[in-house]
Amino acid sequence: MKMSFSTKAFAMLLSAGLVAGCSSTGENMEEGAYGSDVAAIDQEGGSTVYGGADGSGVSASELTDDERRAAQEQAEQEALRDITTFYFDFDTSEIKPDARDVLVAHARYLADNPRQQVRLEGHADERGTKEYNLALGERRANAVQRFLIVNGASRGQIETVSYGEEKPAVRGSTESAWAQNRRVELVFQ
C-alpha cells in the first residue's frame, strides 16, 4: 500500500501531537489537587479506597484480624480451585492425600453455588483392555464424586463420564506419560 507524502506528513504530525499531549509539563501539583477519589496511603500507612459521594471507603488499616484471616482464606480457596486435574496411581481409584484440600475447596464452592454444574471426566493410561480402562476411569470419577458429596456438594450438580484410555493428555508409552493420563478432570459448566 503506497502512501502519499502529504499522508505521511499528516500521520507524523498527528503522532507528534499525541506524544506532546501525553507528556508531562513538569509542574508539581499541590497535595489533594489530583482530582482522584483514591488516596494512595492514609496517615496510618494502610491503603484506603473511597467509594461514594459521602467519602466513605474501605481501609486496609481498619480490617480486624478476623476479617483479614477470612479474606486470606477466601483467596486461598479460590487459588485451590484453579487446580482441576487430579492424578491417580497405577491401577487404583484412591484419591491422593495431596488432592484432598483442593477437592474440599471445590466441594465448598459447589455447596455455596447450588446452580453450578460440574462434569467429572475419568481417564486411564493405555495399559489394560479398553473395557478395563473405561471401568477404571469410571471408578476414579465416582471416587471424586463421592468425595465432593461428602464435603458438601449436591449429587444433582455432578455428572460423571469415563473416557478410559481414549483421550490421553500426553501421547507416549513412558511412565511419565502414563502418570499424566491417569486422572480425573473437573469441567465446570
C-alpha atoms as a PDB file:
ATOM      1  CA  MET A   1       0.000   0.000   0.000  1.00  0.00           C
ATOM      2  CA  LYS A   2       1.542   3.330  -1.083  1.00  0.00           C
ATOM      3  CA  MET A   3       1.087   6.435   0.999  1.00  0.00           C
ATOM      4  CA  SER A   4       1.485   9.919  -0.441  1.00  0.00           C
ATOM      5  CA  PHE A   5       3.936  12.392   1.027  1.00  0.00           C
ATOM      6  CA  SER A   6       1.108  14.521   2.444  1.00  0.00           C
ATOM      7  CA  THR A   7      -0.487  11.475   4.127  1.00  0.00           C
ATOM      8  CA  LYS A   8       2.844  10.535   5.707  1.00  0.00           C
ATOM      9  CA  ALA A   9       3.398  14.109   6.864  1.00  0.00           C
ATOM     10  CA  PHE A  10      -0.090  14.256   8.365  1.00  0.00           C
ATOM     11  CA  ALA A  11       0.454  10.948  10.188  1.00  0.00           C
ATOM     12  CA  MET A  12       3.777  12.199  11.600  1.00  0.00           C
ATOM     13  CA  LEU A  13       2.204  15.479  12.773  1.00  0.00           C
ATOM     14  CA  LEU A  14      -0.667  13.582  14.375  1.00  0.00           C
ATOM     15  CA  SER A  15       1.780  11.270  16.164  1.00  0.00           C
ATOM     16  CA  ALA A  16       3.870  14.204  17.381  1.00  0.00           C
ATOM     17  CA  GLY A  17       0.721  15.902  18.650  1.00  0.00           C
ATOM     18  CA  LEU A  18      -0.293  12.792  20.593  1.00  0.00           C
ATOM     19  CA  VAL A  19       3.144  12.463  22.171  1.00  0.00           C
ATOM     20  CA  ALA A  20       3.186  16.150  23.110  1.00  0.00           C
ATOM     21  CA  GLY A  21      -0.311  15.927  24.549  1.00  0.00           C
ATOM     22  CA  CYS A  22       0.597  12.941  26.709  1.00  0.00           C
ATOM     23  CA  SER A  23       3.861  14.286  28.042  1.00  0.00           C
ATOM     24  CA  SER A  24       4.264  15.801  31.494  1.00  0.00           C
ATOM     25  CA  THR A  25       4.544  19.561  31.894  1.00  0.00           C
ATOM     26  CA  GLY A  26       6.953  19.209  34.793  1.00  0.00           C
ATOM     27  CA  GLU A  27       4.671  21.125  37.174  1.00  0.00           C
ATOM     28  CA  ASN A  28       4.285  19.928  40.742  1.00  0.00           C
ATOM     29  CA  MET A  29       0.673  19.656  41.798  1.00  0.00           C
ATOM     30  CA  GLU A  30      -0.480  20.695  45.238  1.00  0.00           C
ATOM     31  CA  GLU A  31      -1.477  17.886  47.611  1.00  0.00           C
ATOM     32  CA  GLY A  32      -5.110  16.977  47.057  1.00  0.00           C
ATOM     33  CA  ALA A  33      -5.226  18.593  43.612  1.00  0.00           C
ATOM     34  CA  TYR A  34      -5.028  15.353  41.666  1.00  0.00           C
ATOM     35  CA  GLY A  35      -8.791  15.068  41.272  1.00  0.00           C
ATOM     36  CA  SER A  36      -8.830  11.396  42.256  1.00  0.00           C
ATOM     37  CA  ASP A  37     -11.180   9.525  44.578  1.00  0.00           C
ATOM     38  CA  VAL A  38      -8.334   7.241  45.643  1.00  0.00           C
ATOM     39  CA  ALA A  39      -5.930   8.202  48.412  1.00  0.00           C
ATOM     40  CA  ALA A  40      -2.815   6.106  47.930  1.00  0.00           C
ATOM     41  CA  ILE A  41      -1.772   5.994  51.583  1.00  0.00           C
ATOM     42  CA  ASP A  42      -3.649   7.126  54.669  1.00  0.00           C
ATOM     43  CA  GLN A  43      -1.905   8.555  57.732  1.00  0.00           C
ATOM     44  CA  GLU A  44      -1.503   5.148  59.424  1.00  0.00           C
ATOM     45  CA  GLY A  45       0.092   3.597  56.335  1.00  0.00           C
ATOM     46  CA  GLY A  46      -2.867   1.493  55.144  1.00  0.00           C
ATOM     47  CA  SER A  47      -4.462   1.836  51.729  1.00  0.00           C
ATOM     48  CA  THR A  48      -7.909   3.401  51.501  1.00  0.00           C
ATOM     49  CA  VAL A  49     -10.242   3.251  48.552  1.00  0.00           C
ATOM     50  CA  TYR A  50     -13.076   5.762  48.579  1.00  0.00           C
ATOM     51  CA  GLY A  51     -16.406   4.909  47.114  1.00  0.00           C
ATOM     52  CA  GLY A  52     -19.452   7.142  47.140  1.00  0.00           C
ATOM     53  CA  ALA A  53     -20.003  10.863  47.369  1.00  0.00           C
ATOM     54  CA  ASP A  54     -20.121  10.707  51.180  1.00  0.00           C
ATOM     55  CA  GLY A  55     -16.371   9.998  51.292  1.00  0.00           C
ATOM     56  CA  SER A  56     -16.812   6.622  52.918  1.00  0.00           C
ATOM     57  CA  GLY A  57     -14.467   3.865  51.908  1.00  0.00           C
ATOM     58  CA  VAL A  58     -12.712   0.707  52.910  1.00  0.00           C
ATOM     59  CA  SER A  59      -9.345   0.921  54.579  1.00  0.00           C
ATOM     60  CA  ALA A  60      -6.911  -1.965  54.936  1.00  0.00           C
ATOM     61  CA  SER A  61      -5.772  -0.467  58.230  1.00  0.00           C
ATOM     62  CA  GLU A  62      -9.322  -0.757  59.609  1.00  0.00           C
ATOM     63  CA  LEU A  63      -9.727  -4.510  58.970  1.00  0.00           C
ATOM     64  CA  THR A  64      -9.835  -6.706  62.025  1.00  0.00           C
ATOM     65  CA  ASP A  65      -7.612  -9.747  62.309  1.00  0.00           C
ATOM     66  CA  ASP A  66     -10.635 -11.997  61.782  1.00  0.00           C
ATOM     67  CA  GLU A  67     -11.581 -10.113  58.614  1.00  0.00           C
ATOM     68  CA  ARG A  68      -8.016 -10.379  57.316  1.00  0.00           C
ATOM     69  CA  ARG A  69      -7.913 -14.114  58.034  1.00  0.00           C
ATOM     70  CA  ALA A  70     -11.288 -14.609  56.337  1.00  0.00           C
ATOM     71  CA  ALA A  71     -10.148 -12.681  53.267  1.00  0.00           C
ATOM     72  CA  GLN A  72      -6.902 -14.640  53.152  1.00  0.00           C
ATOM     73  CA  GLU A  73      -8.734 -17.963  53.494  1.00  0.00           C
ATOM     74  CA  GLN A  74     -11.137 -16.990  50.706  1.00  0.00           C
ATOM     75  CA  ALA A  75      -8.208 -16.090  48.443  1.00  0.00           C
ATOM     76  CA  GLU A  76      -6.520 -19.409  49.226  1.00  0.00           C
ATOM     77  CA  GLN A  77      -9.736 -21.331  48.456  1.00  0.00           C
ATOM     78  CA  GLU A  78     -10.055 -19.539  45.123  1.00  0.00           C
ATOM     79  CA  ALA A  79      -6.440 -20.342  44.287  1.00  0.00           C
ATOM     80  CA  LEU A  80      -7.008 -24.013  45.117  1.00  0.00           C
ATOM     81  CA  ARG A  81      -9.974 -24.116  42.749  1.00  0.00           C
ATOM     82  CA  ASP A  82      -7.649 -23.257  39.858  1.00  0.00           C
ATOM     83  CA  ILE A  83      -6.492 -26.882  40.080  1.00  0.00           C
ATOM     84  CA  THR A  84      -8.981 -29.031  38.176  1.00  0.00           C
ATOM     85  CA  THR A  85      -6.974 -32.151  37.299  1.00  0.00           C
ATOM     86  CA  PHE A  86      -6.342 -34.896  39.848  1.00  0.00           C
ATOM     87  CA  TYR A  87      -3.908 -37.730  39.260  1.00  0.00           C
ATOM     88  CA  PHE A  88      -4.047 -41.358  40.397  1.00  0.00           C
ATOM     89  CA  ASP A  89      -1.537 -44.105  40.965  1.00  0.00           C
ATOM     90  CA  PHE A  90      -1.396 -47.116  38.645  1.00  0.00           C
ATOM     91  CA  ASP A  91      -4.491 -49.346  38.695  1.00  0.00           C
ATOM     92  CA  THR A  92      -6.236 -47.557  41.573  1.00  0.00           C
ATOM     93  CA  SER A  93      -9.083 -45.126  42.152  1.00  0.00           C
ATOM     94  CA  GLU A  94      -7.868 -43.936  45.549  1.00  0.00           C
ATOM     95  CA  ILE A  95      -7.689 -40.149  45.863  1.00  0.00           C
ATOM     96  CA  LYS A  96      -4.193 -38.984  46.778  1.00  0.00           C
ATOM     97  CA  PRO A  97      -3.801 -37.126  50.094  1.00  0.00           C
ATOM     98  CA  ASP A  98      -2.368 -34.017  48.402  1.00  0.00           C
ATOM     99  CA  ALA A  99      -5.575 -33.662  46.339  1.00  0.00           C
ATOM    100  CA  ARG A 100      -7.953 -33.656  49.296  1.00  0.00           C
ATOM    101  CA  ASP A 101      -7.655 -29.964  50.273  1.00  0.00           C
ATOM    102  CA  VAL A 102      -8.201 -28.919  46.670  1.00  0.00           C
ATOM    103  CA  LEU A 103     -11.255 -31.154  46.346  1.00  0.00           C
ATOM    104  CA  VAL A 104     -12.646 -29.761  49.616  1.00  0.00           C
ATOM    105  CA  ALA A 105     -12.333 -26.249  48.126  1.00  0.00           C
ATOM    106  CA  HIS A 106     -14.273 -27.423  45.057  1.00  0.00           C
ATOM    107  CA  ALA A 107     -16.929 -29.062  47.251  1.00  0.00           C
ATOM    108  CA  ARG A 108     -17.373 -25.841  49.269  1.00  0.00           C
ATOM    109  CA  TYR A 109     -17.658 -23.841  46.070  1.00  0.00           C
ATOM    110  CA  LEU A 110     -20.343 -26.203  44.764  1.00  0.00           C
ATOM    111  CA  ALA A 111     -22.188 -26.086  48.101  1.00  0.00           C
ATOM    112  CA  ASP A 112     -22.118 -22.267  48.040  1.00  0.00           C
ATOM    113  CA  ASN A 113     -23.253 -22.169  44.384  1.00  0.00           C
ATOM    114  CA  PRO A 114     -26.112 -24.670  44.034  1.00  0.00           C
ATOM    115  CA  ARG A 115     -26.744 -23.807  40.369  1.00  0.00           C
ATOM    116  CA  GLN A 116     -23.135 -24.601  39.381  1.00  0.00           C
ATOM    117  CA  GLN A 117     -22.697 -27.861  37.458  1.00  0.00           C
ATOM    118  CA  VAL A 118     -19.515 -29.904  37.070  1.00  0.00           C
ATOM    119  CA  ARG A 119     -18.616 -32.880  34.902  1.00  0.00           C
ATOM    120  CA  LEU A 120     -16.041 -35.314  36.247  1.00  0.00           C
ATOM    121  CA  GLU A 121     -14.111 -36.924  33.400  1.00  0.00           C
ATOM    122  CA  GLY A 122     -12.301 -40.124  34.364  1.00  0.00           C
ATOM    123  CA  HIS A 123      -9.246 -41.276  32.402  1.00  0.00           C
ATOM    124  CA  ALA A 124      -6.769 -44.151  32.408  1.00  0.00           C
ATOM    125  CA  ASP A 125      -3.452 -44.842  30.731  1.00  0.00           C
ATOM    126  CA  GLU A 126      -3.145 -47.153  27.714  1.00  0.00           C
ATOM    127  CA  ARG A 127      -2.223 -50.271  29.647  1.00  0.00           C
ATOM    128  CA  GLY A 128      -5.032 -52.792  30.024  1.00  0.00           C
ATOM    129  CA  THR A 129      -8.007 -53.519  27.802  1.00  0.00           C
ATOM    130  CA  LYS A 130     -10.330 -50.784  26.605  1.00  0.00           C
ATOM    131  CA  GLU A 131     -13.155 -52.198  28.722  1.00  0.00           C
ATOM    132  CA  TYR A 132     -10.991 -52.357  31.854  1.00  0.00           C
ATOM    133  CA  ASN A 133      -9.755 -48.783  31.351  1.00  0.00           C
ATOM    134  CA  LEU A 134     -13.313 -47.483  30.851  1.00  0.00           C
ATOM    135  CA  ALA A 135     -14.308 -49.113  34.148  1.00  0.00           C
ATOM    136  CA  LEU A 136     -11.199 -47.747  35.890  1.00  0.00           C
ATOM    137  CA  GLY A 137     -11.905 -44.216  34.619  1.00  0.00           C
ATOM    138  CA  GLU A 138     -15.469 -44.558  35.906  1.00  0.00           C
ATOM    139  CA  ARG A 139     -14.271 -45.746  39.343  1.00  0.00           C
ATOM    140  CA  ARG A 140     -11.943 -42.739  39.535  1.00  0.00           C
ATOM    141  CA  ALA A 141     -14.688 -40.274  38.576  1.00  0.00           C
ATOM    142  CA  ASN A 142     -17.071 -41.892  41.072  1.00  0.00           C
ATOM    143  CA  ALA A 143     -14.453 -41.672  43.844  1.00  0.00           C
ATOM    144  CA  VAL A 144     -14.099 -37.926  43.242  1.00  0.00           C
ATOM    145  CA  GLN A 145     -17.889 -37.576  43.093  1.00  0.00           C
ATOM    146  CA  ARG A 146     -18.306 -39.325  46.469  1.00  0.00           C
ATOM    147  CA  PHE A 147     -15.604 -37.110  47.991  1.00  0.00           C
ATOM    148  CA  LEU A 148     -17.299 -33.933  46.737  1.00  0.00           C
ATOM    149  CA  ILE A 149     -20.714 -35.036  48.019  1.00  0.00           C
ATOM    150  CA  VAL A 150     -19.365 -35.966  51.466  1.00  0.00           C
ATOM    151  CA  ASN A 151     -17.802 -32.494  51.647  1.00  0.00           C
ATOM    152  CA  GLY A 152     -20.961 -30.543  50.790  1.00  0.00           C
ATOM    153  CA  ALA A 153     -21.671 -30.722  47.060  1.00  0.00           C
ATOM    154  CA  SER A 154     -25.057 -31.914  45.839  1.00  0.00           C
ATOM    155  CA  ARG A 155     -25.360 -35.092  43.766  1.00  0.00           C
ATOM    156  CA  GLY A 156     -27.518 -33.147  41.276  1.00  0.00           C
ATOM    157  CA  GLN A 157     -24.636 -30.805  40.482  1.00  0.00           C
ATOM    158  CA  ILE A 158     -22.285 -33.563  39.389  1.00  0.00           C
ATOM    159  CA  GLU A 159     -22.144 -35.641  36.220  1.00  0.00           C
ATOM    160  CA  THR A 160     -19.555 -38.386  35.732  1.00  0.00           C
ATOM    161  CA  VAL A 161     -18.178 -39.768  32.489  1.00  0.00           C
ATOM    162  CA  SER A 162     -15.327 -42.144  31.713  1.00  0.00           C
ATOM    163  CA  TYR A 163     -13.130 -41.884  28.662  1.00  0.00           C
ATOM    164  CA  GLY A 164     -10.803 -44.694  29.687  1.00  0.00           C
ATOM    165  CA  GLU A 165      -7.689 -44.506  27.521  1.00  0.00           C
ATOM    166  CA  GLU A 166      -9.443 -42.707  24.642  1.00  0.00           C
ATOM    167  CA  LYS A 167      -8.408 -39.112  25.481  1.00  0.00           C
ATOM    168  CA  PRO A 168      -4.821 -39.134  26.679  1.00  0.00           C
ATOM    169  CA  ALA A 169      -3.370 -35.881  27.994  1.00  0.00           C
ATOM    170  CA  VAL A 170       0.054 -36.978  26.758  1.00  0.00           C
ATOM    171  CA  ARG A 171       0.867 -39.452  23.999  1.00  0.00           C
ATOM    172  CA  GLY A 172       3.581 -41.984  24.643  1.00  0.00           C
ATOM    173  CA  SER A 173       4.397 -45.230  26.390  1.00  0.00           C
ATOM    174  CA  THR A 174       6.600 -43.947  29.180  1.00  0.00           C
ATOM    175  CA  GLU A 175       5.922 -43.840  32.912  1.00  0.00           C
ATOM    176  CA  SER A 176       5.780 -40.039  32.732  1.00  0.00           C
ATOM    177  CA  ALA A 177       3.117 -40.114  30.008  1.00  0.00           C
ATOM    178  CA  TRP A 178       1.122 -42.815  31.772  1.00  0.00           C
ATOM    179  CA  ALA A 179       1.186 -40.855  35.055  1.00  0.00           C
ATOM    180  CA  GLN A 180      -0.292 -37.792  33.326  1.00  0.00           C
ATOM    181  CA  ASN A 181      -3.041 -39.870  31.733  1.00  0.00           C
ATOM    182  CA  ARG A 182      -4.276 -41.466  34.987  1.00  0.00           C
ATOM    183  CA  ARG A 183      -6.541 -38.595  36.009  1.00  0.00           C
ATOM    184  CA  VAL A 184      -9.945 -37.087  36.683  1.00  0.00           C
ATOM    185  CA  GLU A 185     -10.647 -33.647  35.261  1.00  0.00           C
ATOM    186  CA  LEU A 186     -13.291 -31.308  36.668  1.00  0.00           C
ATOM    187  CA  VAL A 187     -15.056 -29.390  33.913  1.00  0.00           C
ATOM    188  CA  PHE A 188     -17.313 -26.641  35.261  1.00  0.00           C
ATOM    189  CA  GLN A 189     -20.299 -25.747  33.090  1.00  0.00           C
END
